Structures are given as C-alpha cells and as structure tokens.
Amino acid sequence: MKQQRKVIHVELKEPYKGKRHYYFGSITAIYELLPTEVVGCSKETLWNVLRNDEHKGRKAIIRYGTLHTKQSNRGIRKEANNG
C-alpha cells in the first residue's frame, strides 16, 4: 500500500532569502523558518483560514497537498521462526 503524507506549500510573492517556494509538514513548522511578516498572517489566523486547502493572502499563497511515497521494506525486521 502506498503511503500518503500531507505537505504544506508556501509560495511567497516576494522572495525571502532568495527563495519563493517552501514546503512544510505542519503549520507550526512554517513559523519556525519564516517570520509572520513574510507569510502575511499569524499562525492562529492560518489555522482558521486554511480549511479549504488553500489560502491566498497579500504576501503568500499557502496550499495543502499530498506527498505520495512508495512503501519500502527498509527498517522492517523479519521475525525468526522459533519452530
């Protein structure tokens, strides 16, 4: 079965540190890297407005997306038969 993980894409209208596109795993992670002034809204506001999978603000467009990954057996240990 394929794994699906949520991802939050932040597209800034003005570059911050030379980049316009950022990807995060949570809303909280956005504000650990980007200042509120760059995003254009506070974390609490974003929690309330990002319900329809997209928020278009004056400074950024923020979208929910899905990261599709292939399941692997890496890290899974086989159980030994104990007879």
C-alpha atoms as a PDB file:
ATOM      1  CA  MET A   1       0.000   0.000   0.000  1.00  0.00           C
ATOM      2  CA  LYS A   2       1.303   3.440  -0.880  1.00  0.00           C
ATOM      3  CA  GLN A   3       1.849   5.965   1.883  1.00  0.00           C
ATOM      4  CA  GLN A   4       0.378   9.449   1.746  1.00  0.00           C
ATOM      5  CA  ARG A   5       1.606  12.375   3.789  1.00  0.00           C
ATOM      6  CA  LYS A   6       0.334  15.908   3.942  1.00  0.00           C
ATOM      7  CA  VAL A   7       2.567  18.737   2.838  1.00  0.00           C
ATOM      8  CA  ILE A   8       2.042  22.482   3.035  1.00  0.00           C
ATOM      9  CA  HIS A   9       3.370  24.530   0.115  1.00  0.00           C
ATOM     10  CA  VAL A  10       4.081  28.207   0.790  1.00  0.00           C
ATOM     11  CA  GLU A  11       4.533  30.330  -2.339  1.00  0.00           C
ATOM     12  CA  LEU A  12       5.773  33.803  -1.475  1.00  0.00           C
ATOM     13  CA  LYS A  13       5.010  36.723  -3.763  1.00  0.00           C
ATOM     14  CA  GLU A  14       8.352  38.321  -2.822  1.00  0.00           C
ATOM     15  CA  PRO A  15      11.443  36.080  -2.334  1.00  0.00           C
ATOM     16  CA  TYR A  16      12.729  35.523   1.208  1.00  0.00           C
ATOM     17  CA  LYS A  17      16.436  34.631   1.385  1.00  0.00           C
ATOM     18  CA  GLY A  18      16.396  34.101  -2.377  1.00  0.00           C
ATOM     19  CA  LYS A  19      13.537  31.569  -2.428  1.00  0.00           C
ATOM     20  CA  ARG A  20       9.832  31.837  -3.211  1.00  0.00           C
ATOM     21  CA  HIS A  21       8.723  28.215  -2.656  1.00  0.00           C
ATOM     22  CA  TYR A  22       8.872  26.442   0.712  1.00  0.00           C
ATOM     23  CA  TYR A  23       7.464  23.058   1.785  1.00  0.00           C
ATOM     24  CA  PHE A  24       6.481  22.105   5.340  1.00  0.00           C
ATOM     25  CA  GLY A  25       4.921  19.228   7.256  1.00  0.00           C
ATOM     26  CA  SER A  26       2.856  21.403   9.599  1.00  0.00           C
ATOM     27  CA  ILE A  27       1.618  24.946  10.085  1.00  0.00           C
ATOM     28  CA  THR A  28       3.836  25.317  13.148  1.00  0.00           C
ATOM     29  CA  ALA A  29       6.925  24.435  11.084  1.00  0.00           C
ATOM     30  CA  ILE A  30       6.202  27.371   8.745  1.00  0.00           C
ATOM     31  CA  TYR A  31       6.714  29.872  11.545  1.00  0.00           C
ATOM     32  CA  GLU A  32       9.938  28.254  12.747  1.00  0.00           C
ATOM     33  CA  LEU A  33      11.546  29.231   9.430  1.00  0.00           C
ATOM     34  CA  LEU A  34       9.527  32.164   8.094  1.00  0.00           C
ATOM     35  CA  PRO A  35       8.631  35.301  10.076  1.00  0.00           C
ATOM     36  CA  THR A  36       4.974  36.283  10.364  1.00  0.00           C
ATOM     37  CA  GLU A  37       5.691  39.456   8.359  1.00  0.00           C
ATOM     38  CA  VAL A  38       6.893  37.349   5.414  1.00  0.00           C
ATOM     39  CA  VAL A  39       3.912  34.962   5.484  1.00  0.00           C
ATOM     40  CA  GLY A  40       1.420  37.802   5.875  1.00  0.00           C
ATOM     41  CA  CYS A  41      -0.735  36.266   8.618  1.00  0.00           C
ATOM     42  CA  SER A  42      -0.268  34.781  12.072  1.00  0.00           C
ATOM     43  CA  LYS A  43      -0.211  31.071  12.881  1.00  0.00           C
ATOM     44  CA  GLU A  44      -3.594  31.299  14.616  1.00  0.00           C
ATOM     45  CA  THR A  45      -5.162  33.003  11.601  1.00  0.00           C
ATOM     46  CA  LEU A  46      -3.741  30.374   9.274  1.00  0.00           C
ATOM     47  CA  TRP A  47      -5.212  27.573  11.408  1.00  0.00           C
ATOM     48  CA  ASN A  48      -8.653  29.149  10.879  1.00  0.00           C
ATOM     49  CA  VAL A  49      -8.454  30.076   7.187  1.00  0.00           C
ATOM     50  CA  LEU A  50      -6.618  27.063   5.726  1.00  0.00           C
ATOM     51  CA  ARG A  51      -9.698  24.848   5.787  1.00  0.00           C
ATOM     52  CA  ASN A  52     -10.381  24.815   2.045  1.00  0.00           C
ATOM     53  CA  ASP A  53      -6.893  23.540   1.191  1.00  0.00           C
ATOM     54  CA  GLU A  54      -5.732  26.989   0.031  1.00  0.00           C
ATOM     55  CA  HIS A  55      -5.229  30.488   1.403  1.00  0.00           C
ATOM     56  CA  LYS A  56      -4.448  33.428  -0.875  1.00  0.00           C
ATOM     57  CA  GLY A  57      -3.067  36.356   1.066  1.00  0.00           C
ATOM     58  CA  ARG A  58      -1.357  39.601   0.110  1.00  0.00           C
ATOM     59  CA  LYS A  59       2.125  38.171   0.680  1.00  0.00           C
ATOM     60  CA  ALA A  60       1.773  34.416   0.105  1.00  0.00           C
ATOM     61  CA  ILE A  61      -0.342  31.605  -1.293  1.00  0.00           C
ATOM     62  CA  ILE A  62      -0.462  28.629   1.050  1.00  0.00           C
ATOM     63  CA  ARG A  63      -1.784  25.253  -0.106  1.00  0.00           C
ATOM     64  CA  TYR A  64      -2.288  21.810   1.416  1.00  0.00           C
ATOM     65  CA  GLY A  65      -1.075  18.965  -0.766  1.00  0.00           C
ATOM     66  CA  THR A  66      -0.393  15.260  -0.608  1.00  0.00           C
ATOM     67  CA  LEU A  67       3.045  13.725  -0.861  1.00  0.00           C
ATOM     68  CA  HIS A  68       2.790  10.252  -2.390  1.00  0.00           C
ATOM     69  CA  THR A  69       5.528   7.810  -1.463  1.00  0.00           C
ATOM     70  CA  LYS A  70       6.222   4.197  -2.222  1.00  0.00           C
ATOM     71  CA  GLN A  71       6.209   1.810   0.703  1.00  0.00           C
ATOM     72  CA  SER A  72       9.533   0.112   1.315  1.00  0.00           C
ATOM     73  CA  ASN A  73      10.740  -2.728   3.487  1.00  0.00           C
ATOM     74  CA  ARG A  74      13.694  -0.716   4.742  1.00  0.00           C
ATOM     75  CA  GLY A  75      13.891  -0.829   8.509  1.00  0.00           C
ATOM     76  CA  ILE A  76      11.412  -3.700   8.860  1.00  0.00           C
ATOM     77  CA  ARG A  77      12.841  -6.768  10.593  1.00  0.00           C
ATOM     78  CA  LYS A  78      11.720 -10.250   9.655  1.00  0.00           C
ATOM     79  CA  GLU A  79      10.527 -12.408  12.525  1.00  0.00           C
ATOM     80  CA  ALA A  80      12.534 -15.600  13.064  1.00  0.00           C
ATOM     81  CA  ASN A  81      10.707 -18.909  13.130  1.00  0.00           C
ATOM     82  CA  ASN A  82      11.133 -20.472  16.532  1.00  0.00           C
ATOM     83  CA  GLY A  83       9.913 -23.884  15.426  1.00  0.00           C
END
